C-alpha cells in the first residue's frame, strides 16, 4: 500500500511539472518573431546603407574618370607645347608683331575667323647661315572634319617624317598644312604678357586659347595653351599650360646673305622685290664680290659704322656719299645713307645694312667695288683686328683704283 501511494504522488508531481512547462512555453512564444516596426526599420537602414554605398561608388568612378580626363588633356596640351617649342628652338628670325607674319602662302590663316598666332623662320639646311625664305606659321581656326572645338591649332611648314624630324634638305621646301591640336578655348584667360614681351595677336581683346608672347629682340618666347572641354558629366572644364622657350639660332644677331641685284631703273612708286638670283651672288667673278655681303639683323638693334682705315669721308644730307643705311632689303637698292659714320641708325629685325664711302658700297655695285667681309668667325682677320659676335668688318676697294681702300667697322647693338 505504501509503495502504491508513493507512486501516485510521483505521477502527480510529474503532471504538475509538465503543466508548468506548457504554461511557460505558451508565455514565451510571442517573443520568438519580429514586429512590423522592426522589419520596416531594418529595411530602411539597409536601403540607406545601399544608397550611401552606391553614391560612394558613383563618386569614386566620377573622380577616376575626371582624373583620367585631366591627365589625358594636360598631356595633350604639354605634347602640343613641346612640339611647338622644339620648332621655336630652331628659329632664326621671329616676327614680334602679328602684322609681320607673312601668310600669302597660307590664305586660310587670313580667312574669316582664322588668326595667325606665331611665325618664325628656321635655318636653311643647305646653308645654315641663312634662314629659309618662308615662315613657318601657326594659326587657329574653328573646328572642321573630325576635329572638335571651340578652336583648332594648325601648322603650315615643312613636312615632317614619322619621327617628327624635318625631311632631307632637298625635301625641305615641301610644305603642308596640318592640324596640331583641337579643343582649344575660344578665349584665353587673362592673355597678358610680361612688360618686355609682345603679344602676337591682331586683336588684343580677342585672343584664342593658344597665344604666344615674344620678347623684344626675339630671344625668348612664352607659349600658352588653354583647353576647353565639355565632360560627359555636363561639366565645362578649362585647362591651362605655359612654357618658356629660348631659340638657339637667334643667338646670332646678324647674318650675311646674298643681296638681290639692283634693278636697271629707279621706281616711281614703292619698290617691289626682284627675283632672287642664283647663289652665291648675282655678280660674276671678277666683277664684284663672290660671297654674301649683305648683313641682316635678326633682332631690333642700333647700327653704328666707323671708318677705321682709309682716310676720312664727310656726310652731307644734301649730297650724301658717306654713311650707313638700315632698311628692308627691297628698299636698299635705291637707298641713301641715313646717318654719318659714328652715328647710330635704328634697325628692325630683318633689316639689311649698307655702308657707303666715296661711291663704294658693300652691295648693289656691279662695277666699282670689291667687297671683303670679316666676322668674329673669320680665321684670317686683318692684323690688329679683333671682332665680337656683333661686329662686322667691311673692306671696300675700288676696282678702278685699287689704292683706294677702306676698312669700315660695323657694330650692331640689340635694343
Protein backbone atom coordinates (compact mmCIF):
# COMPACT_ATOMS: atom_id res chain seq x y z
CA UNK A 1 0.00 0.00 0.00
CA UNK A 2 2.82 2.38 0.90
CA UNK A 3 4.51 1.75 -2.41
CA UNK A 4 1.28 2.42 -4.25
CA UNK A 5 0.79 5.77 -2.51
CA UNK A 6 4.35 6.92 -3.33
CA UNK A 7 3.78 6.02 -6.95
CA UNK A 8 0.59 8.09 -7.06
CA UNK A 9 2.40 11.09 -5.53
CA UNK A 10 5.21 10.74 -8.08
CA UNK A 11 2.76 10.82 -11.01
CA UNK A 12 1.12 13.91 -9.51
CA UNK A 13 4.42 15.74 -9.34
CA UNK A 14 5.18 14.81 -12.95
CA UNK A 15 1.83 16.15 -14.17
CA UNK A 16 2.29 19.39 -12.22
CA UNK A 17 5.78 19.92 -13.66
CA UNK A 18 4.52 19.19 -17.19
CA UNK A 19 1.74 21.77 -16.77
CA UNK A 20 4.27 24.35 -15.61
CA UNK A 21 6.48 23.69 -18.67
CA UNK A 22 3.48 24.05 -21.00
CA UNK A 23 2.45 27.28 -19.32
CA UNK A 24 5.99 28.69 -19.54
CA UNK A 25 6.22 27.71 -23.23
CA UNK A 26 2.90 29.40 -24.01
CA UNK A 27 4.03 32.54 -22.21
CA UNK A 28 7.35 32.90 -24.20
CA UNK A 29 6.13 32.01 -27.74
CA UNK A 30 5.04 35.55 -28.80
CA UNK A 31 8.64 36.84 -28.26
CA UNK A 32 10.19 34.46 -30.85
CA UNK A 33 9.50 36.75 -34.05
CA UNK A 34 10.00 40.45 -35.25
CA UNK A 35 7.37 43.10 -35.18
CA UNK A 36 6.30 45.07 -38.29
CA UNK A 37 8.06 48.14 -36.92
CA UNK A 38 11.30 46.26 -36.51
CA UNK A 39 11.11 44.88 -40.04
CA UNK A 40 10.41 48.33 -41.55
CA UNK A 41 13.19 49.92 -39.53
CA UNK A 42 15.68 47.28 -40.65
CA UNK A 43 14.61 47.73 -44.29
CA UNK A 44 15.05 51.49 -44.13
CA UNK A 45 18.51 51.13 -42.57
CA UNK A 46 19.52 48.63 -45.25
CA UNK A 47 18.24 50.98 -48.01
CA UNK A 48 20.21 53.88 -46.56
CA UNK A 49 23.36 51.74 -46.43
CA UNK A 50 22.88 50.69 -50.07
CA UNK A 51 22.28 54.29 -51.19
CA UNK A 52 25.34 55.56 -49.34
CA UNK A 53 27.46 52.81 -50.82
CA UNK A 54 26.10 53.49 -54.31
CA UNK A 55 26.77 57.22 -54.07
CA UNK A 56 30.28 56.48 -52.88
CA UNK A 57 30.89 54.15 -55.83
CA UNK A 58 29.48 56.72 -58.30
CA UNK A 59 31.65 59.48 -56.84
CA UNK A 60 34.67 57.22 -56.98
CA UNK A 61 34.01 56.36 -60.64
CA UNK A 62 33.38 60.01 -61.48
CA UNK A 63 36.59 61.08 -59.74
CA UNK A 64 38.50 58.38 -61.56
CA UNK A 65 37.01 59.49 -64.91
CA UNK A 66 37.81 63.14 -64.15
CA UNK A 67 41.37 62.27 -63.12
CA UNK A 68 41.93 60.24 -66.28
CA UNK A 69 40.44 63.03 -68.42
CA UNK A 70 42.57 65.64 -66.65
CA UNK A 71 45.70 63.61 -67.22
CA UNK A 72 44.92 62.96 -70.89
CA UNK A 73 44.03 66.58 -71.69
CA UNK A 74 47.02 68.03 -69.83
CA UNK A 75 49.32 65.53 -71.52
CA UNK A 76 47.87 66.56 -74.88
CA UNK A 77 48.48 70.25 -74.13
CA UNK A 78 52.00 69.53 -72.89
CA UNK A 79 52.78 67.50 -76.00
CA UNK A 80 51.46 70.38 -78.11
CA UNK A 81 53.70 72.90 -76.39
CA UNK A 82 56.67 70.54 -76.60
CA UNK A 83 56.12 70.12 -80.34
CA UNK A 84 55.87 73.87 -80.94
CA UNK A 85 58.77 74.55 -78.54
CA UNK A 86 61.01 72.16 -80.44
CA UNK A 87 60.46 74.17 -83.62
CA UNK A 88 60.82 77.53 -81.87
CA UNK A 89 64.20 76.41 -80.50
CA UNK A 90 65.40 76.13 -84.11
CA UNK A 91 64.03 79.56 -85.09
CA UNK A 92 66.36 82.14 -86.56
CA UNK A 93 64.01 85.09 -87.10
CA UNK A 94 60.78 85.51 -85.08
CA UNK A 95 58.31 88.28 -86.01
CA UNK A 96 57.34 90.31 -82.98
CA UNK A 97 54.01 91.55 -84.32
CA UNK A 98 51.07 89.74 -85.87
CA UNK A 99 51.24 92.14 -88.83
CA UNK A 100 54.76 90.85 -89.65
CA UNK A 101 53.52 87.30 -90.15
CA UNK A 102 53.58 86.55 -93.88
CA UNK A 103 50.55 84.45 -94.80
CA UNK A 104 50.45 84.82 -98.57
CA UNK A 105 51.11 81.07 -98.85
CA UNK A 106 48.63 80.30 -96.08
CA UNK A 107 45.44 82.05 -97.22
CA UNK A 108 43.31 80.25 -94.64
CA UNK A 109 45.37 81.94 -91.92
CA UNK A 110 43.77 85.22 -93.01
CA UNK A 111 40.36 83.75 -93.72
CA UNK A 112 37.28 84.77 -91.77
CA UNK A 113 37.62 83.56 -88.22
CA UNK A 114 41.22 82.39 -88.61
CA UNK A 115 44.01 84.01 -86.62
CA UNK A 116 47.79 83.81 -87.08
CA UNK A 117 49.32 83.33 -83.63
CA UNK A 118 53.03 82.60 -84.22
CA UNK A 119 55.57 82.51 -87.04
CA UNK A 120 59.32 82.13 -87.47
CA UNK A 121 61.98 81.22 -89.98
CA UNK A 122 64.40 78.35 -89.43
CA UNK A 123 67.93 77.99 -90.85
CA UNK A 124 68.20 76.57 -94.33
CA UNK A 125 69.68 73.02 -94.04
CA UNK A 126 71.54 73.66 -97.30
CA UNK A 127 73.00 76.92 -95.97
CA UNK A 128 72.78 77.09 -92.16
CA UNK A 129 73.94 80.70 -92.12
CA UNK A 130 70.74 81.81 -93.84
CA UNK A 131 67.08 81.28 -92.94
CA UNK A 132 64.57 79.62 -95.22
CA UNK A 133 62.71 82.21 -97.30
CA UNK A 134 59.26 81.23 -95.99
CA UNK A 135 57.92 81.46 -92.47
CA UNK A 136 56.55 78.53 -90.52
CA UNK A 137 53.11 79.78 -89.50
CA UNK A 138 50.87 78.62 -86.65
CA UNK A 139 47.26 79.79 -86.75
CA UNK A 140 43.89 78.92 -85.24
CA UNK A 141 40.52 78.25 -86.87
CA UNK A 142 37.15 76.81 -85.96
CA UNK A 143 36.68 73.02 -85.96
CA UNK A 144 36.41 71.12 -89.22
CA UNK A 145 36.25 67.49 -90.32
CA UNK A 146 36.62 65.26 -87.26
CA UNK A 147 38.30 67.96 -85.14
CA UNK A 148 36.43 69.39 -82.17
CA UNK A 149 36.20 72.97 -80.98
CA UNK A 150 35.91 75.60 -79.90
CA UNK A 151 39.26 76.32 -81.67
CA UNK A 152 41.88 74.27 -83.53
CA UNK A 153 45.61 74.99 -83.86
CA UNK A 154 47.11 74.46 -87.34
CA UNK A 155 50.67 74.48 -88.65
CA UNK A 156 51.92 75.46 -92.09
CA UNK A 157 55.51 74.42 -92.55
CA UNK A 158 57.99 71.85 -93.86
CA UNK A 159 56.71 68.31 -93.99
CA UNK A 160 57.94 66.08 -91.15
CA UNK A 161 58.92 62.42 -91.19
CA UNK A 162 57.20 59.84 -88.91
CA UNK A 163 59.69 60.66 -86.13
CA UNK A 164 58.83 64.35 -86.19
CA UNK A 165 62.07 65.44 -87.87
CA UNK A 166 62.48 67.61 -90.93
CA UNK A 167 62.97 65.65 -94.08
CA UNK A 168 66.16 65.67 -96.11
CA UNK A 169 67.45 69.07 -97.28
CA UNK A 170 66.21 68.51 -100.83
CA UNK A 171 62.68 67.98 -99.44
CA UNK A 172 62.66 70.92 -97.03
CA UNK A 173 60.65 73.02 -99.49
CA UNK A 174 57.71 70.60 -99.37
CA UNK A 175 55.39 72.49 -97.04
CA UNK A 176 51.99 71.28 -95.91
CA UNK A 177 49.07 72.37 -93.74
CA UNK A 178 48.35 70.07 -90.80
CA UNK A 179 46.40 70.20 -87.50
CA UNK A 180 48.34 70.32 -84.24
CA UNK A 181 45.65 70.13 -81.55
CA UNK A 182 41.96 70.83 -81.04
CA UNK A 183 39.66 71.60 -78.08
CA UNK A 184 41.35 74.96 -77.55
CA UNK A 185 39.38 77.56 -75.64
CA UNK A 186 37.60 80.24 -77.63
CA UNK A 187 39.13 82.98 -75.49
CA UNK A 188 42.20 82.84 -73.29
CA UNK A 189 42.07 83.65 -69.61
CA UNK A 190 43.93 86.91 -68.92
CA UNK A 191 46.13 86.86 -72.05
CA UNK A 192 48.70 89.20 -70.59
CA UNK A 193 52.37 89.13 -71.48
CA UNK A 194 55.24 90.45 -69.32
CA UNK A 195 56.22 94.06 -69.78
CA UNK A 196 59.10 93.35 -72.17
CA UNK A 197 57.13 90.82 -74.28
CA UNK A 198 54.84 91.42 -77.25
CA UNK A 199 51.54 89.55 -77.52
CA UNK A 200 51.16 88.11 -81.03
CA UNK A 201 47.55 88.94 -81.80
CA UNK A 202 45.75 91.15 -84.28
CA UNK A 203 43.06 91.97 -81.72
CA UNK A 204 44.47 92.10 -78.20
CA UNK A 205 40.96 91.88 -76.78
CA UNK A 206 40.08 88.65 -78.60
CA UNK A 207 42.82 86.07 -78.11
CA UNK A 208 42.37 82.35 -78.71
CA UNK A 209 43.28 79.55 -76.39
CA UNK A 210 46.75 79.35 -77.96
CA UNK A 211 48.83 82.50 -77.96
CA UNK A 212 52.49 83.49 -77.86
CA UNK A 213 54.43 86.28 -76.17
CA UNK A 214 57.69 87.19 -77.94
CA UNK A 215 60.35 89.06 -76.04
CA UNK A 216 61.71 92.23 -77.60
CA UNK A 217 64.65 91.04 -79.67
CA UNK A 218 63.08 87.63 -80.31
CA UNK A 219 65.42 85.69 -78.00
CA UNK A 220 62.64 84.26 -75.81
CA UNK A 221 59.09 83.08 -76.43
CA UNK A 222 56.32 82.26 -73.95
CA UNK A 223 53.83 79.70 -75.29
CA UNK A 224 50.39 79.46 -73.69
CA UNK A 225 47.66 76.89 -74.34
CA UNK A 226 44.17 76.82 -72.83
CA UNK A 227 41.81 73.91 -73.47
CA UNK A 228 38.03 73.95 -73.05
CA UNK A 229 36.41 70.53 -72.61
CA UNK A 230 32.78 69.54 -72.09
CA UNK A 231 32.74 66.41 -69.90
CA UNK A 232 30.11 63.67 -70.18
CA UNK A 233 29.13 64.73 -66.66
CA UNK A 234 27.83 68.02 -68.17
CA UNK A 235 30.78 69.93 -66.73
CA UNK A 236 32.73 72.53 -68.74
CA UNK A 237 36.34 72.40 -67.65
CA UNK A 238 39.30 74.58 -68.71
CA UNK A 239 42.95 73.66 -68.57
CA UNK A 240 45.98 75.92 -68.93
CA UNK A 241 49.66 75.19 -69.54
CA UNK A 242 52.55 77.52 -70.32
CA UNK A 243 56.25 77.25 -71.10
CA UNK A 244 59.20 79.49 -71.99
CA UNK A 245 61.42 78.73 -74.96
CA UNK A 246 64.85 80.13 -75.80
CA UNK A 247 65.55 79.93 -79.54
CA UNK A 248 69.08 78.67 -80.08
CA UNK A 249 69.57 80.12 -83.57
CA UNK A 250 68.67 83.69 -82.62
CA UNK A 251 71.84 83.93 -80.55
CA UNK A 252 73.27 85.35 -83.79
CA UNK A 253 72.06 88.93 -84.00
CA UNK A 254 73.29 89.32 -87.58
CA UNK A 255 73.91 87.03 -90.52
CA UNK A 256 75.21 87.52 -94.05
CA UNK A 257 73.11 86.86 -97.09
CA UNK A 258 73.23 87.32 -100.82
CA UNK A 259 71.54 90.55 -101.94
CA UNK A 260 69.25 90.70 -104.93
CA UNK A 261 70.57 92.60 -107.97
CA UNK A 262 69.93 96.29 -108.45
CA UNK A 263 67.07 96.97 -110.89
CA UNK A 264 68.08 98.90 -114.00
CA UNK A 265 65.67 101.78 -113.35
CA UNK A 266 64.60 103.75 -110.33
CA UNK A 267 60.94 103.16 -109.47
CA UNK A 268 58.41 105.97 -109.30
CA UNK A 269 56.43 104.22 -106.56
CA UNK A 270 57.09 101.76 -103.77
CA UNK A 271 59.73 99.28 -104.99
CA UNK A 272 58.91 95.62 -105.28
CA UNK A 273 61.36 92.80 -104.60
CA UNK A 274 63.19 91.44 -107.61
CA UNK A 275 63.60 87.69 -108.20
CA UNK A 276 66.20 86.02 -106.05
CA UNK A 277 69.36 85.46 -108.13
CA UNK A 278 71.33 82.28 -108.42
CA UNK A 279 73.62 81.66 -105.43
CA UNK A 280 76.18 82.53 -104.28
CA UNK A 281 75.97 86.07 -105.62
CA UNK A 282 74.46 87.81 -108.60
CA UNK A 283 77.75 89.29 -109.79
CA UNK A 284 80.06 87.17 -111.87
CA UNK A 285 83.60 86.53 -110.58
CA UNK A 286 85.94 89.37 -111.45
CA UNK A 287 83.15 91.99 -111.39
CA UNK A 288 82.44 92.11 -107.66
CA UNK A 289 82.20 90.03 -104.51
CA UNK A 290 81.51 86.32 -104.87
CA UNK A 291 80.27 85.77 -101.30
CA UNK A 292 77.29 87.10 -99.34
CA UNK A 293 77.95 90.71 -98.32
CA UNK A 294 74.58 91.95 -97.05
CA UNK A 295 74.24 91.83 -93.24
CA UNK A 296 70.71 91.15 -91.98
CA UNK A 297 69.93 91.88 -88.31
CA UNK A 298 67.80 89.28 -86.56
CA UNK A 299 66.61 91.50 -83.69
CA UNK A 300 65.75 95.18 -83.26
CA UNK A 301 69.06 96.97 -82.87
CA UNK A 302 71.06 100.13 -83.36
CA UNK A 303 73.75 100.09 -86.03
CA UNK A 304 76.93 102.17 -85.87
CA UNK A 305 79.57 102.24 -88.61
CA UNK A 306 83.04 103.75 -88.36
CA UNK A 307 85.88 104.11 -90.89
CA UNK A 308 88.96 102.73 -89.12
CA UNK A 309 91.33 102.81 -92.08
CA UNK A 310 91.42 104.63 -95.40
CA UNK A 311 91.05 108.30 -94.65
CA UNK A 312 88.01 110.40 -93.97
CA UNK A 313 84.67 110.80 -95.68
CA UNK A 314 82.25 113.63 -94.99
CA UNK A 315 78.50 113.09 -94.75
CA UNK A 316 76.28 115.75 -96.29
CA UNK A 317 72.46 115.46 -96.08
CA UNK A 318 72.11 117.31 -99.39
CA UNK A 319 74.55 115.04 -101.23
CA UNK A 320 75.23 112.01 -99.04
CA UNK A 321 78.09 109.86 -100.28
CA UNK A 322 79.28 108.52 -96.91
CA UNK A 323 77.39 106.89 -94.11
CA UNK A 324 75.21 103.94 -93.23
CA UNK A 325 71.68 102.80 -94.10
CA UNK A 326 69.50 100.15 -92.43
CA UNK A 327 66.21 99.20 -94.07
CA UNK A 328 64.28 96.24 -95.53
CA UNK A 329 66.16 94.79 -98.47
CA UNK A 330 63.52 95.80 -101.01
CA UNK A 331 64.25 99.45 -100.14
CA UNK A 332 68.04 99.24 -100.07
CA UNK A 333 68.88 99.35 -103.80
CA UNK A 334 67.55 102.94 -104.05
CA UNK A 335 68.51 103.97 -100.53
CA UNK A 336 70.93 106.68 -99.50
CA UNK A 337 72.91 106.99 -96.26
CA UNK A 338 70.73 107.96 -93.33
CA UNK A 339 73.45 108.80 -90.83
CA UNK A 340 77.09 109.75 -90.85
CA UNK A 341 79.76 107.34 -89.65
CA UNK A 342 79.82 107.24 -85.87
CA UNK A 343 76.07 107.92 -85.54
CA UNK A 344 73.53 105.29 -84.52
CA UNK A 345 70.94 104.07 -87.02
CA UNK A 346 67.85 102.17 -85.80
CA UNK A 347 67.22 98.80 -87.42
CA UNK A 348 64.30 96.41 -87.17
CA UNK A 349 64.58 92.65 -87.26
CA UNK A 350 65.09 91.63 -90.89
CA UNK A 351 66.64 94.93 -91.99
CA UNK A 352 69.74 94.93 -94.15
CA UNK A 353 72.81 97.17 -93.61
CA UNK A 354 74.60 99.06 -96.39
CA UNK A 355 77.67 101.25 -95.86
CA UNK A 356 78.69 103.99 -98.32
CA UNK A 357 82.12 105.61 -98.65
CA UNK A 358 83.20 107.78 -101.59
CA UNK A 359 80.94 105.96 -104.06
CA UNK A 360 81.82 102.50 -102.78
CA UNK A 361 79.33 100.24 -101.01
CA UNK A 362 79.13 96.64 -99.88
CA UNK A 363 76.22 95.65 -102.16
CA UNK A 364 74.36 96.67 -105.33
CA UNK A 365 77.50 97.83 -107.12
CA UNK A 366 78.17 95.83 -110.25
CA UNK A 367 81.24 97.69 -111.47
CA UNK A 368 83.16 99.65 -108.93
CA UNK A 369 83.59 97.83 -105.61
CA UNK A 370 85.41 94.74 -104.46
CA UNK A 371 83.99 93.76 -101.06
CA UNK A 372 85.53 91.50 -98.42
CA UNK A 373 83.59 90.77 -95.25
CA UNK A 374 85.04 89.60 -91.92
CA UNK A 375 83.20 88.36 -88.84
CA UNK A 376 84.28 87.03 -85.46
CA UNK A 377 84.32 83.56 -87.04
CA UNK A 378 86.82 84.55 -89.74
CA UNK A 379 90.20 82.87 -89.40
CA UNK A 380 92.12 85.42 -91.47
CA UNK A 381 91.28 88.73 -89.82
CA UNK A 382 93.46 91.70 -90.81
CA UNK A 383 96.35 92.43 -88.48
CA UNK A 384 95.33 94.18 -85.28
CA UNK A 385 91.60 93.50 -85.75
CA UNK A 386 89.56 91.65 -83.13
CA UNK A 387 85.81 91.29 -83.64
CA UNK A 388 82.98 90.36 -81.28
CA UNK A 389 79.94 88.38 -82.41
CA UNK A 390 78.00 91.62 -83.02
CA UNK A 391 80.63 93.25 -85.23
CA UNK A 392 81.39 93.08 -88.94
CA UNK A 393 84.39 94.46 -90.77
CA UNK A 394 83.99 95.55 -94.39
CA UNK A 395 86.99 96.10 -96.64
CA UNK A 396 85.84 98.09 -99.66
CA UNK A 397 88.31 98.53 -102.53
CA UNK A 398 87.82 100.47 -105.75
CA UNK A 399 88.28 98.25 -108.78
CA UNK A 400 89.28 101.18 -110.96
CA UNK A 401 91.78 102.45 -108.35
CA UNK A 402 92.90 99.59 -106.07
CA UNK A 403 94.89 102.00 -103.89
CA UNK A 404 91.54 103.45 -102.72
CA UNK A 405 90.54 101.09 -99.94
CA UNK A 406 88.56 101.49 -96.72
CA UNK A 407 88.08 99.37 -93.62
CA UNK A 408 84.67 100.01 -92.05
CA UNK A 409 83.75 98.51 -88.69
CA UNK A 410 80.02 97.95 -88.14
CA UNK A 411 78.69 97.32 -84.63
CA UNK A 412 75.15 96.03 -84.01
CA UNK A 413 73.75 96.55 -80.51
CA UNK A 414 70.44 94.81 -79.74
CA UNK A 415 67.78 97.03 -78.22
